[in-house]
């Protein structure tokens, strides 16, 4: 019997059943105590002597007087209130496990090491919590396994590539040596970019308040120290973000602008509900029908934006995924007068 009420259905059915029984018991007790209203007097008494009261039915002589609110108002009101409370409690009973599961999923999306879900409550809720915790455990194991694989790939591939670069020095043909060295440099660049991309995907950090204006000014000054033409303008209040993700997003957009345009301008536009960061260049730009495609991994455009000018097609992918981890959006627009403008829109939560 106890197992039957260990489910959401059993508990909800029990709550509604108790509410209905209590409401009917009160109605029965009310009418038993006060009884139905007395019947109207017979017709012969309605035309009798004025002021003469007809005799009362013996069934109603010992009844207590009805209260001022009399009639069925009280039992019906109690029935209504009981059913409303039962419906409210039943809805809460049904929604509580779903809300717990939703909160746990949100915590997991922000931090894989979040505490597991408490396996308590009705049988369905316990089963869902157990399945969710098992899923979280498997995800953590897969991420750890991928981290170990990345470390092995980084070590095992760099070593033979480094040996190949050393052996190139023994080749007498300068043209062939230059071509092979270029191929090796491309392989190393692709390896570094791929490992960085995979590292960005597995990175999980807590959000904290950050002075975005100071970050932008710092990135601009660092680029200027290296001889790049980078300017920053605008002001904004601190924003709650994941610092590494935001730095990675702006850095990749800045590198993209410097690689293809040789200069960049970073602007800040602060609003009550969101912050807009723009990375503006006056380079060759990107055609409107290709702006979404550049966010695909390893996608490279022909012409001025190709591997010969640098990059392996992962910078924009890393930037967009970083913006999405921040709860924001990254889009590309044409710069007035020619060029490309990357727009980061971050919400203020």
C-alpha atoms as a PDB file:
ATOM      1  CA  UNK A   1       0.000   0.000   0.000  1.00  0.00           C
ATOM      2  CA  UNK A   2       2.837   2.369   0.835  1.00  0.00           C
ATOM      3  CA  UNK A   3       4.478   1.725  -2.531  1.00  0.00           C
ATOM      4  CA  UNK A   4       1.349   2.886  -4.341  1.00  0.00           C
ATOM      5  CA  UNK A   5       1.648   6.354  -2.797  1.00  0.00           C
ATOM      6  CA  UNK A   6       5.365   6.545  -3.543  1.00  0.00           C
ATOM      7  CA  UNK A   7       4.643   7.887  -7.020  1.00  0.00           C
ATOM      8  CA  UNK A   8       3.549  11.269  -8.289  1.00  0.00           C
ATOM      9  CA  UNK A   9       0.231   9.804  -9.416  1.00  0.00           C
ATOM     10  CA  UNK A  10      -0.405   8.223  -6.027  1.00  0.00           C
ATOM     11  CA  UNK A  11       0.421  11.368  -4.093  1.00  0.00           C
ATOM     12  CA  UNK A  12      -1.643  13.621  -6.322  1.00  0.00           C
ATOM     13  CA  UNK A  13      -4.603  11.234  -6.233  1.00  0.00           C
ATOM     14  CA  UNK A  14      -4.334  11.004  -2.445  1.00  0.00           C
ATOM     15  CA  UNK A  15      -4.295  14.785  -1.992  1.00  0.00           C
ATOM     16  CA  UNK A  16      -7.364  15.286  -4.175  1.00  0.00           C
ATOM     17  CA  UNK A  17      -9.195  12.368  -2.542  1.00  0.00           C
ATOM     18  CA  UNK A  18      -8.590  13.745   0.966  1.00  0.00           C
ATOM     19  CA  UNK A  19      -9.736  17.221  -0.095  1.00  0.00           C
ATOM     20  CA  UNK A  20     -12.963  15.889  -1.624  1.00  0.00           C
ATOM     21  CA  UNK A  21     -13.755  13.671   1.408  1.00  0.00           C
ATOM     22  CA  UNK A  22     -13.141  16.502   3.896  1.00  0.00           C
ATOM     23  CA  UNK A  23     -15.286  18.899   1.883  1.00  0.00           C
ATOM     24  CA  UNK A  24     -18.185  16.437   1.758  1.00  0.00           C
ATOM     25  CA  UNK A  25     -17.871  15.537   5.430  1.00  0.00           C
ATOM     26  CA  UNK A  26     -18.156  19.193   6.379  1.00  0.00           C
ATOM     27  CA  UNK A  27     -21.211  19.565   4.122  1.00  0.00           C
ATOM     28  CA  UNK A  28     -22.891  16.547   5.710  1.00  0.00           C
ATOM     29  CA  UNK A  29     -22.097  17.780   9.241  1.00  0.00           C
ATOM     30  CA  UNK A  30     -23.361  21.276   8.420  1.00  0.00           C
ATOM     31  CA  UNK A  31     -26.696  20.123   7.058  1.00  0.00           C
ATOM     32  CA  UNK A  32     -27.065  17.517   9.808  1.00  0.00           C
ATOM     33  CA  UNK A  33     -26.551  20.181  12.478  1.00  0.00           C
ATOM     34  CA  UNK A  34     -28.758  22.888  11.023  1.00  0.00           C
ATOM     35  CA  UNK A  35     -30.956  20.747   8.839  1.00  0.00           C
ATOM     36  CA  UNK A  36     -32.774  21.901   5.728  1.00  0.00           C
ATOM     37  CA  UNK A  37     -34.808  25.116   5.924  1.00  0.00           C
ATOM     38  CA  UNK A  38     -38.368  24.748   7.302  1.00  0.00           C
ATOM     39  CA  UNK A  39     -41.032  24.168   4.666  1.00  0.00           C
ATOM     40  CA  UNK A  40     -43.465  27.028   3.899  1.00  0.00           C
ATOM     41  CA  UNK A  41     -46.728  27.108   5.934  1.00  0.00           C
ATOM     42  CA  UNK A  42     -49.806  25.357   4.552  1.00  0.00           C
ATOM     43  CA  UNK A  43     -52.126  27.476   2.385  1.00  0.00           C
ATOM     44  CA  UNK A  44     -54.909  27.641   5.034  1.00  0.00           C
ATOM     45  CA  UNK A  45     -52.601  29.473   7.452  1.00  0.00           C
ATOM     46  CA  UNK A  46     -51.568  32.053   4.884  1.00  0.00           C
ATOM     47  CA  UNK A  47     -55.154  33.451   4.942  1.00  0.00           C
ATOM     48  CA  UNK A  48     -55.697  33.127   8.735  1.00  0.00           C
ATOM     49  CA  UNK A  49     -55.951  35.725  11.408  1.00  0.00           C
ATOM     50  CA  UNK A  50     -53.389  38.461  11.098  1.00  0.00           C
ATOM     51  CA  UNK A  51     -50.523  38.028  13.571  1.00  0.00           C
ATOM     52  CA  UNK A  52     -51.361  34.366  14.266  1.00  0.00           C
ATOM     53  CA  UNK A  53     -48.277  32.164  13.807  1.00  0.00           C
ATOM     54  CA  UNK A  54     -48.803  28.703  12.256  1.00  0.00           C
ATOM     55  CA  UNK A  55     -47.561  25.746  14.298  1.00  0.00           C
ATOM     56  CA  UNK A  56     -43.953  24.660  13.564  1.00  0.00           C
ATOM     57  CA  UNK A  57     -43.199  21.203  12.291  1.00  0.00           C
ATOM     58  CA  UNK A  58     -41.900  19.107  15.261  1.00  0.00           C
ATOM     59  CA  UNK A  59     -38.854  18.147  13.236  1.00  0.00           C
ATOM     60  CA  UNK A  60     -37.615  21.739  13.355  1.00  0.00           C
ATOM     61  CA  UNK A  61     -38.534  22.670  16.954  1.00  0.00           C
ATOM     62  CA  UNK A  62     -35.175  21.646  18.499  1.00  0.00           C
ATOM     63  CA  UNK A  63     -32.949  22.850  15.661  1.00  0.00           C
ATOM     64  CA  UNK A  64     -30.427  25.570  16.601  1.00  0.00           C
ATOM     65  CA  UNK A  65     -31.060  28.871  14.890  1.00  0.00           C
ATOM     66  CA  UNK A  66     -29.297  29.337  11.566  1.00  0.00           C
ATOM     67  CA  UNK A  67     -26.405  31.826  11.541  1.00  0.00           C
ATOM     68  CA  UNK A  68     -26.725  35.068   9.611  1.00  0.00           C
ATOM     69  CA  UNK A  69     -24.831  33.636   6.673  1.00  0.00           C
ATOM     70  CA  UNK A  70     -26.975  30.438   6.733  1.00  0.00           C
ATOM     71  CA  UNK A  71     -27.824  28.195   3.846  1.00  0.00           C
ATOM     72  CA  UNK A  72     -25.255  26.169   1.904  1.00  0.00           C
ATOM     73  CA  UNK A  73     -22.822  29.078   1.589  1.00  0.00           C
ATOM     74  CA  UNK A  74     -20.297  27.793   4.162  1.00  0.00           C
ATOM     75  CA  UNK A  75     -20.032  24.157   2.988  1.00  0.00           C
ATOM     76  CA  UNK A  76     -19.853  25.187  -0.644  1.00  0.00           C
ATOM     77  CA  UNK A  77     -17.188  27.788   0.140  1.00  0.00           C
ATOM     78  CA  UNK A  78     -15.206  25.222   2.102  1.00  0.00           C
ATOM     79  CA  UNK A  79     -15.463  22.764  -0.782  1.00  0.00           C
ATOM     80  CA  UNK A  80     -14.204  25.397  -3.203  1.00  0.00           C
ATOM     81  CA  UNK A  81     -11.299  26.420  -0.948  1.00  0.00           C
ATOM     82  CA  UNK A  82     -10.353  22.788  -0.303  1.00  0.00           C
ATOM     83  CA  UNK A  83     -10.266  21.937  -3.998  1.00  0.00           C
ATOM     84  CA  UNK A  84      -8.260  25.091  -4.806  1.00  0.00           C
ATOM     85  CA  UNK A  85      -5.679  24.211  -2.132  1.00  0.00           C
ATOM     86  CA  UNK A  86      -5.546  20.605  -3.347  1.00  0.00           C
ATOM     87  CA  UNK A  87      -5.091  21.733  -6.959  1.00  0.00           C
ATOM     88  CA  UNK A  88      -2.348  24.195  -5.935  1.00  0.00           C
ATOM     89  CA  UNK A  89      -0.517  21.579  -3.895  1.00  0.00           C
ATOM     90  CA  UNK A  90      -0.936  18.984  -6.650  1.00  0.00           C
ATOM     91  CA  UNK A  91       0.462  21.345  -9.277  1.00  0.00           C
ATOM     92  CA  UNK A  92       3.402  22.143  -6.999  1.00  0.00           C
ATOM     93  CA  UNK A  93       3.923  18.432  -6.388  1.00  0.00           C
ATOM     94  CA  UNK A  94       4.087  17.820 -10.125  1.00  0.00           C
ATOM     95  CA  UNK A  95       6.261  20.819 -10.989  1.00  0.00           C
ATOM     96  CA  UNK A  96       8.798  20.496  -8.133  1.00  0.00           C
ATOM     97  CA  UNK A  97      10.784  17.556  -9.637  1.00  0.00           C
ATOM     98  CA  UNK A  98      10.799  19.232 -13.052  1.00  0.00           C
ATOM     99  CA  UNK A  99      12.043  22.488 -11.528  1.00  0.00           C
ATOM    100  CA  UNK A 100      14.789  20.651  -9.630  1.00  0.00           C
ATOM    101  CA  UNK A 101      15.828  18.915 -12.840  1.00  0.00           C
ATOM    102  CA  UNK A 102      15.823  22.216 -14.732  1.00  0.00           C
ATOM    103  CA  UNK A 103      17.956  23.937 -12.074  1.00  0.00           C
ATOM    104  CA  UNK A 104      20.423  21.042 -12.053  1.00  0.00           C
ATOM    105  CA  UNK A 105      20.681  21.120 -15.860  1.00  0.00           C
ATOM    106  CA  UNK A 106      21.385  24.876 -15.753  1.00  0.00           C
ATOM    107  CA  UNK A 107      24.101  24.372 -13.130  1.00  0.00           C
ATOM    108  CA  UNK A 108      25.606  21.572 -15.216  1.00  0.00           C
ATOM    109  CA  UNK A 109      25.714  23.777 -18.317  1.00  0.00           C
ATOM    110  CA  UNK A 110      27.744  26.341 -16.365  1.00  0.00           C
ATOM    111  CA  UNK A 111      29.963  23.954 -14.413  1.00  0.00           C
ATOM    112  CA  UNK A 112      30.482  20.253 -15.020  1.00  0.00           C
ATOM    113  CA  UNK A 113      31.683  19.846 -11.439  1.00  0.00           C
ATOM    114  CA  UNK A 114      28.403  21.080  -9.958  1.00  0.00           C
ATOM    115  CA  UNK A 115      27.027  18.940  -7.078  1.00  0.00           C
ATOM    116  CA  UNK A 116      24.847  15.985  -8.115  1.00  0.00           C
ATOM    117  CA  UNK A 117      21.079  16.109  -7.851  1.00  0.00           C
ATOM    118  CA  UNK A 118      19.524  14.908  -4.595  1.00  0.00           C
ATOM    119  CA  UNK A 119      17.856  11.548  -5.235  1.00  0.00           C
ATOM    120  CA  UNK A 120      14.778  12.002  -3.061  1.00  0.00           C
ATOM    121  CA  UNK A 121      11.035  12.439  -3.478  1.00  0.00           C
ATOM    122  CA  UNK A 122       8.558  10.274  -5.393  1.00  0.00           C
ATOM    123  CA  UNK A 123       9.737   7.267  -7.352  1.00  0.00           C
ATOM    124  CA  UNK A 124       9.674   9.076 -10.711  1.00  0.00           C
ATOM    125  CA  UNK A 125      11.667  11.997  -9.269  1.00  0.00           C
ATOM    126  CA  UNK A 126      14.263   9.650  -7.755  1.00  0.00           C
ATOM    127  CA  UNK A 127      14.612   7.773 -11.016  1.00  0.00           C
ATOM    128  CA  UNK A 128      15.011  10.997 -13.009  1.00  0.00           C
ATOM    129  CA  UNK A 129      17.604  12.307 -10.517  1.00  0.00           C
ATOM    130  CA  UNK A 130      19.535   9.028 -10.679  1.00  0.00           C
ATOM    131  CA  UNK A 131      19.549   9.113 -14.493  1.00  0.00           C
ATOM    132  CA  UNK A 132      20.627  12.768 -14.501  1.00  0.00           C
ATOM    133  CA  UNK A 133      23.497  12.103 -12.079  1.00  0.00           C
ATOM    134  CA  UNK A 134      24.590   9.131 -14.175  1.00  0.00           C
ATOM    135  CA  UNK A 135      24.581  11.320 -17.284  1.00  0.00           C
ATOM    136  CA  UNK A 136      26.651  13.980 -15.498  1.00  0.00           C
ATOM    137  CA  UNK A 137      29.164  11.343 -14.380  1.00  0.00           C
ATOM    138  CA  UNK A 138      29.543  10.015 -17.920  1.00  0.00           C
ATOM    139  CA  UNK A 139      29.982  13.514 -19.356  1.00  0.00           C
ATOM    140  CA  UNK A 140      32.731  14.270 -16.827  1.00  0.00           C
ATOM    141  CA  UNK A 141      34.463  10.981 -17.671  1.00  0.00           C
ATOM    142  CA  UNK A 142      34.305  11.747 -21.403  1.00  0.00           C
ATOM    143  CA  UNK A 143      35.685  15.252 -20.882  1.00  0.00           C
ATOM    144  CA  UNK A 144      38.527  13.890 -18.758  1.00  0.00           C
ATOM    145  CA  UNK A 145      39.244  11.233 -21.352  1.00  0.00           C
ATOM    146  CA  UNK A 146      39.341  13.860 -24.101  1.00  0.00           C
ATOM    147  CA  UNK A 147      41.690  16.007 -22.025  1.00  0.00           C
ATOM    148  CA  UNK A 148      44.066  13.072 -21.670  1.00  0.00           C
ATOM    149  CA  UNK A 149      43.802  12.421 -25.413  1.00  0.00           C
ATOM    150  CA  UNK A 150      44.572  16.080 -26.191  1.00  0.00           C
ATOM    151  CA  UNK A 151      47.660  15.927 -24.019  1.00  0.00           C
ATOM    152  CA  UNK A 152      48.822  12.772 -25.769  1.00  0.00           C
ATOM    153  CA  UNK A 153      48.141  14.213 -29.232  1.00  0.00           C
ATOM    154  CA  UNK A 154      49.969  17.417 -28.381  1.00  0.00           C
ATOM    155  CA  UNK A 155      53.031  15.519 -27.216  1.00  0.00           C
ATOM    156  CA  UNK A 156      53.074  12.692 -29.751  1.00  0.00           C
ATOM    157  CA  UNK A 157      52.576  14.917 -32.809  1.00  0.00           C
ATOM    158  CA  UNK A 158      54.879  17.759 -31.891  1.00  0.00           C
ATOM    159  CA  UNK A 159      57.857  15.458 -31.371  1.00  0.00           C
ATOM    160  CA  UNK A 160      57.985  13.946 -34.905  1.00  0.00           C
ATOM    161  CA  UNK A 161      57.189  17.320 -36.463  1.00  0.00           C
ATOM    162  CA  UNK A 162      60.120  18.874 -34.634  1.00  0.00           C
ATOM    163  CA  UNK A 163      62.406  16.045 -35.839  1.00  0.00           C
ATOM    164  CA  UNK A 164      61.247  16.595 -39.416  1.00  0.00           C
ATOM    165  CA  UNK A 165      62.128  20.305 -39.214  1.00  0.00           C
ATOM    166  CA  UNK A 166      65.631  19.374 -38.058  1.00  0.00           C
ATOM    167  CA  UNK A 167      66.101  16.848 -40.870  1.00  0.00           C
ATOM    168  CA  UNK A 168      65.055  19.444 -43.440  1.00  0.00           C
ATOM    169  CA  UNK A 169      68.394  21.144 -42.895  1.00  0.00           C
ATOM    170  CA  UNK A 170      70.108  18.144 -44.545  1.00  0.00           C
ATOM    171  CA  UNK A 171      68.291  18.713 -47.852  1.00  0.00           C
ATOM    172  CA  UNK A 172      70.479  20.504 -50.382  1.00  0.00           C
ATOM    173  CA  UNK A 173      67.657  21.640 -52.640  1.00  0.00           C
ATOM    174  CA  UNK A 174      66.745  25.047 -51.247  1.00  0.00           C
ATOM    175  CA  UNK A 175      63.438  25.216 -53.127  1.00  0.00           C
ATOM    176  CA  UNK A 176      62.300  21.805 -51.914  1.00  0.00           C
ATOM    177  CA  UNK A 177      63.497  22.624 -48.427  1.00  0.00           C
ATOM    178  CA  UNK A 178      61.442  25.824 -48.383  1.00  0.00           C
ATOM    179  CA  UNK A 179      58.329  24.051 -49.637  1.00  0.00           C
ATOM    180  CA  UNK A 180      58.614  21.289 -47.048  1.00  0.00           C
ATOM    181  CA  UNK A 181      59.288  23.800 -44.296  1.00  0.00           C
ATOM    182  CA  UNK A 182      56.136  25.695 -45.299  1.00  0.00           C
ATOM    183  CA  UNK A 183      54.107  22.481 -45.188  1.00  0.00           C
ATOM    184  CA  UNK A 184      55.467  21.643 -41.744  1.00  0.00           C
ATOM    185  CA  UNK A 185      54.705  25.130 -40.471  1.00  0.00           C
ATOM    186  CA  UNK A 186      51.148  24.772 -41.776  1.00  0.00           C
ATOM    187  CA  UNK A 187      50.777  21.413 -40.004  1.00  0.00           C
ATOM    188  CA  UNK A 188      52.062  22.871 -36.743  1.00  0.00           C
ATOM    189  CA  UNK A 189      49.735  25.868 -37.067  1.00  0.00           C
ATOM    190  CA  UNK A 190      46.763  23.587 -37.700  1.00  0.00           C
ATOM    191  CA  UNK A 191      47.722  21.422 -34.736  1.00  0.00           C
ATOM    192  CA  UNK A 192      48.023  24.423 -32.429  1.00  0.00           C
ATOM    193  CA  UNK A 193      44.725  25.901 -33.629  1.00  0.00           C
ATOM    194  CA  UNK A 194      42.889  22.574 -33.282  1.00  0.00           C
ATOM    195  CA  UNK A 195      44.193  21.975 -29.771  1.00  0.00           C
ATOM    196  CA  UNK A 196      43.250  25.535 -28.802  1.00  0.00           C
ATOM    197  CA  UNK A 197      39.747  25.048 -30.201  1.00  0.00           C
ATOM    198  CA  UNK A 198      39.238  21.792 -28.303  1.00  0.00           C
ATOM    199  CA  UNK A 199      40.645  23.367 -25.153  1.00  0.00           C
ATOM    200  CA  UNK A 200      38.181  26.261 -25.447  1.00  0.00           C
ATOM    201  CA  UNK A 201      35.309  23.783 -25.792  1.00  0.00           C
ATOM    202  CA  UNK A 202      36.143  21.943 -22.594  1.00  0.00           C
ATOM    203  CA  UNK A 203      36.943  25.038 -20.534  1.00  0.00           C
ATOM    204  CA  UNK A 204      34.428  25.725 -17.767  1.00  0.00           C
ATOM    205  CA  UNK A 205      34.743  28.753 -15.513  1.00  0.00           C
ATOM    206  CA  UNK A 206      32.522  30.591 -13.086  1.00  0.00           C
ATOM    207  CA  UNK A 207      31.102  33.983 -13.957  1.00  0.00           C
ATOM    208  CA  UNK A 208      32.454  36.995 -12.073  1.00  0.00           C
ATOM    209  CA  UNK A 209      32.289  40.761 -12.243  1.00  0.00           C
ATOM    210  CA  UNK A 210      34.838  42.185 -14.649  1.00  0.00           C
ATOM    211  CA  UNK A 211      35.896  45.626 -15.843  1.00  0.00           C
ATOM    212  CA  UNK A 212      35.395  45.061 -19.570  1.00  0.00           C
ATOM    213  CA  UNK A 213      36.636  48.549 -20.410  1.00  0.00           C
ATOM    214  CA  UNK A 214      39.952  47.839 -18.665  1.00  0.00           C
ATOM    215  CA  UNK A 215      40.242  44.523 -20.545  1.00  0.00           C
ATOM    216  CA  UNK A 216      39.680  46.200 -23.922  1.00  0.00           C
ATOM    217  CA  UNK A 217      42.180  48.952 -23.148  1.00  0.00           C
ATOM    218  CA  UNK A 218      44.728  46.360 -21.992  1.00  0.00           C
ATOM    219  CA  UNK A 219      44.360  44.314 -25.191  1.00  0.00           C
ATOM    220  CA  UNK A 220      44.720  47.490 -27.247  1.00  0.00           C
ATOM    221  CA  UNK A 221      47.872  48.590 -25.407  1.00  0.00           C
ATOM    222  CA  UNK A 222      49.429  45.113 -25.720  1.00  0.00           C
ATOM    223  CA  UNK A 223      48.840  45.153 -29.480  1.00  0.00           C
ATOM    224  CA  UNK A 224      50.311  48.652 -29.744  1.00  0.00           C
ATOM    225  CA  UNK A 225      53.418  47.512 -27.871  1.00  0.00           C
ATOM    226  CA  UNK A 226      53.888  44.887 -30.592  1.00  0.00           C
ATOM    227  CA  UNK A 227      53.638  47.523 -33.304  1.00  0.00           C
ATOM    228  CA  UNK A 228      49.982  46.977 -34.288  1.00  0.00           C
ATOM    229  CA  UNK A 229      47.574  49.803 -35.069  1.00  0.00           C
ATOM    230  CA  UNK A 230      44.786  49.176 -32.533  1.00  0.00           C
ATOM    231  CA  UNK A 231      42.590  51.824 -30.934  1.00  0.00           C
ATOM    232  CA  UNK A 232      39.895  51.580 -28.250  1.00  0.00           C
ATOM    233  CA  UNK A 233      37.004  53.914 -27.476  1.00  0.00           C
ATOM    234  CA  UNK A 234      33.844  54.008 -25.373  1.00  0.00           C
ATOM    235  CA  UNK A 235      32.987  53.371 -21.753  1.00  0.00           C
ATOM    236  CA  UNK A 236      30.990  50.735 -19.886  1.00  0.00           C
ATOM    237  CA  UNK A 237      30.166  49.599 -16.370  1.00  0.00           C
ATOM    238  CA  UNK A 238      31.510  46.276 -15.026  1.00  0.00           C
ATOM    239  CA  UNK A 239      29.787  43.167 -16.382  1.00  0.00           C
ATOM    240  CA  UNK A 240      29.356  39.676 -14.954  1.00  0.00           C
ATOM    241  CA  UNK A 241      31.161  37.378 -17.430  1.00  0.00           C
ATOM    242  CA  UNK A 242      33.514  34.425 -17.735  1.00  0.00           C
ATOM    243  CA  UNK A 243      36.850  36.284 -18.044  1.00  0.00           C
ATOM    244  CA  UNK A 244      38.726  33.691 -20.093  1.00  0.00           C
ATOM    245  CA  UNK A 245      35.855  33.294 -22.556  1.00  0.00           C
ATOM    246  CA  UNK A 246      35.513  37.055 -23.088  1.00  0.00           C
ATOM    247  CA  UNK A 247      39.257  37.540 -23.518  1.00  0.00           C
ATOM    248  CA  UNK A 248      39.394  34.659 -26.001  1.00  0.00           C
ATOM    249  CA  UNK A 249      36.464  36.075 -27.986  1.00  0.00           C
ATOM    250  CA  UNK A 250      37.906  39.588 -28.315  1.00  0.00           C
ATOM    251  CA  UNK A 251      41.455  38.307 -28.923  1.00  0.00           C
ATOM    252  CA  UNK A 252      40.418  36.117 -31.840  1.00  0.00           C
ATOM    253  CA  UNK A 253      38.401  38.913 -33.431  1.00  0.00           C
ATOM    254  CA  UNK A 254      41.289  41.322 -32.942  1.00  0.00           C
ATOM    255  CA  UNK A 255      43.789  38.871 -34.472  1.00  0.00           C
ATOM    256  CA  UNK A 256      41.449  38.375 -37.421  1.00  0.00           C
ATOM    257  CA  UNK A 257      41.185  42.130 -38.026  1.00  0.00           C
ATOM    258  CA  UNK A 258      44.949  42.678 -37.773  1.00  0.00           C
ATOM    259  CA  UNK A 259      45.704  39.719 -40.030  1.00  0.00           C
ATOM    260  CA  UNK A 260      43.524  40.875 -42.906  1.00  0.00           C
ATOM    261  CA  UNK A 261      43.345  44.664 -42.435  1.00  0.00           C
ATOM    262  CA  UNK A 262      46.504  45.592 -40.519  1.00  0.00           C
ATOM    263  CA  UNK A 263      44.552  47.801 -38.097  1.00  0.00           C
ATOM    264  CA  UNK A 264      41.499  47.587 -35.799  1.00  0.00           C
ATOM    265  CA  UNK A 265      39.215  49.736 -33.658  1.00  0.00           C
ATOM    266  CA  UNK A 266      37.452  48.327 -30.578  1.00  0.00           C
ATOM    267  CA  UNK A 267      34.396  50.267 -29.422  1.00  0.00           C
ATOM    268  CA  UNK A 268      32.153  49.869 -26.364  1.00  0.00           C
ATOM    269  CA  UNK A 269      28.471  50.813 -26.331  1.00  0.00           C
ATOM    270  CA  UNK A 270      26.813  50.367 -22.937  1.00  0.00           C
ATOM    271  CA  UNK A 271      23.054  49.985 -22.395  1.00  0.00           C
ATOM    272  CA  UNK A 272      20.852  49.169 -19.433  1.00  0.00           C
ATOM    273  CA  UNK A 273      20.136  45.588 -20.521  1.00  0.00           C
ATOM    274  CA  UNK A 274      23.144  44.724 -22.702  1.00  0.00           C
ATOM    275  CA  UNK A 275      26.675  45.678 -23.739  1.00  0.00           C
ATOM    276  CA  UNK A 276      27.813  45.915 -27.359  1.00  0.00           C
ATOM    277  CA  UNK A 277      31.485  45.421 -28.266  1.00  0.00           C
ATOM    278  CA  UNK A 278      32.533  46.095 -31.860  1.00  0.00           C
ATOM    279  CA  UNK A 279      35.819  45.123 -33.495  1.00  0.00           C
ATOM    280  CA  UNK A 280      36.037  47.243 -36.656  1.00  0.00           C
ATOM    281  CA  UNK A 281      38.492  46.970 -39.534  1.00  0.00           C
ATOM    282  CA  UNK A 282      38.755  48.450 -43.034  1.00  0.00           C
ATOM    283  CA  UNK A 283      40.136  45.403 -44.773  1.00  0.00           C
ATOM    284  CA  UNK A 284      38.748  43.423 -47.719  1.00  0.00           C
ATOM    285  CA  UNK A 285      35.607  42.418 -45.784  1.00  0.00           C
ATOM    286  CA  UNK A 286      33.435  39.339 -46.315  1.00  0.00           C
ATOM    287  CA  UNK A 287      30.516  38.936 -48.713  1.00  0.00           C
ATOM    288  CA  UNK A 288      27.113  38.891 -47.048  1.00  0.00           C
ATOM    289  CA  UNK A 289      26.357  35.319 -48.146  1.00  0.00           C
ATOM    290  CA  UNK A 290      29.622  34.056 -46.610  1.00  0.00           C
ATOM    291  CA  UNK A 291      29.471  35.724 -43.183  1.00  0.00           C
ATOM    292  CA  UNK A 292      27.756  32.812 -41.449  1.00  0.00           C
ATOM    293  CA  UNK A 293      29.937  30.226 -43.150  1.00  0.00           C
ATOM    294  CA  UNK A 294      33.140  31.632 -41.620  1.00  0.00           C
ATOM    295  CA  UNK A 295      31.956  30.464 -38.186  1.00  0.00           C
ATOM    296  CA  UNK A 296      32.185  26.829 -39.319  1.00  0.00           C
ATOM    297  CA  UNK A 297      35.361  25.030 -38.138  1.00  0.00           C
ATOM    298  CA  UNK A 298      38.226  25.039 -40.665  1.00  0.00           C
ATOM    299  CA  UNK A 299      36.270  27.162 -43.169  1.00  0.00           C
ATOM    300  CA  UNK A 300      38.498  29.515 -45.169  1.00  0.00           C
ATOM    301  CA  UNK A 301      37.515  31.985 -47.852  1.00  0.00           C
ATOM    302  CA  UNK A 302      39.315  32.228 -51.139  1.00  0.00           C
ATOM    303  CA  UNK A 303      41.150  35.351 -52.196  1.00  0.00           C
ATOM    304  CA  UNK A 304      42.649  37.630 -49.591  1.00  0.00           C
ATOM    305  CA  UNK A 305      41.330  35.618 -46.643  1.00  0.00           C
ATOM    306  CA  UNK A 306      43.083  32.266 -47.062  1.00  0.00           C
ATOM    307  CA  UNK A 307      45.789  30.212 -45.413  1.00  0.00           C
ATOM    308  CA  UNK A 308      48.558  32.120 -47.163  1.00  0.00           C
ATOM    309  CA  UNK A 309      47.607  35.206 -45.175  1.00  0.00           C
ATOM    310  CA  UNK A 310      47.493  33.203 -41.943  1.00  0.00           C
ATOM    311  CA  UNK A 311      45.031  31.161 -39.945  1.00  0.00           C
ATOM    312  CA  UNK A 312      43.486  27.741 -40.367  1.00  0.00           C
ATOM    313  CA  UNK A 313      39.810  28.656 -40.059  1.00  0.00           C
ATOM    314  CA  UNK A 314      39.158  28.270 -36.319  1.00  0.00           C
ATOM    315  CA  UNK A 315      39.490  31.795 -34.920  1.00  0.00           C
ATOM    316  CA  UNK A 316      35.956  32.892 -35.737  1.00  0.00           C
ATOM    317  CA  UNK A 317      34.562  29.554 -34.537  1.00  0.00           C
ATOM    318  CA  UNK A 318      36.283  29.957 -31.176  1.00  0.00           C
ATOM    319  CA  UNK A 319      35.074  33.564 -30.924  1.00  0.00           C
ATOM    320  CA  UNK A 320      31.410  32.697 -31.540  1.00  0.00           C
ATOM    321  CA  UNK A 321      31.411  29.747 -29.153  1.00  0.00           C
ATOM    322  CA  UNK A 322      33.017  31.929 -26.492  1.00  0.00           C
ATOM    323  CA  UNK A 323      30.306  34.574 -27.000  1.00  0.00           C
ATOM    324  CA  UNK A 324      27.593  31.921 -26.711  1.00  0.00           C
ATOM    325  CA  UNK A 325      29.115  30.618 -23.464  1.00  0.00           C
ATOM    326  CA  UNK A 326      28.716  34.173 -22.157  1.00  0.00           C
ATOM    327  CA  UNK A 327      25.032  34.084 -23.098  1.00  0.00           C
ATOM    328  CA  UNK A 328      25.644  36.591 -25.888  1.00  0.00           C
ATOM    329  CA  UNK A 329      25.682  36.741 -29.669  1.00  0.00           C
ATOM    330  CA  UNK A 330      28.377  37.369 -32.270  1.00  0.00           C
ATOM    331  CA  UNK A 331      27.535  38.612 -35.740  1.00  0.00           C
ATOM    332  CA  UNK A 332      29.411  40.112 -38.676  1.00  0.00           C
ATOM    333  CA  UNK A 333      28.453  43.265 -40.566  1.00  0.00           C
ATOM    334  CA  UNK A 334      29.977  45.403 -43.280  1.00  0.00           C
ATOM    335  CA  UNK A 335      31.942  48.407 -42.105  1.00  0.00           C
ATOM    336  CA  UNK A 336      30.731  51.684 -43.642  1.00  0.00           C
ATOM    337  CA  UNK A 337      33.327  52.580 -46.253  1.00  0.00           C
ATOM    338  CA  UNK A 338      34.478  48.973 -46.603  1.00  0.00           C
ATOM    339  CA  UNK A 339      35.744  46.342 -44.212  1.00  0.00           C
ATOM    340  CA  UNK A 340      34.322  44.021 -41.563  1.00  0.00           C
ATOM    341  CA  UNK A 341      32.721  44.774 -38.196  1.00  0.00           C
ATOM    342  CA  UNK A 342      32.354  42.008 -35.617  1.00  0.00           C
ATOM    343  CA  UNK A 343      29.549  42.791 -33.147  1.00  0.00           C
ATOM    344  CA  UNK A 344      29.447  41.116 -29.728  1.00  0.00           C
ATOM    345  CA  UNK A 345      26.191  41.616 -27.831  1.00  0.00           C
ATOM    346  CA  UNK A 346      26.369  40.558 -24.160  1.00  0.00           C
ATOM    347  CA  UNK A 347      23.346  40.613 -21.827  1.00  0.00           C
ATOM    348  CA  UNK A 348      23.374  42.272 -18.412  1.00  0.00           C
ATOM    349  CA  UNK A 349      21.807  39.731 -16.057  1.00  0.00           C
END
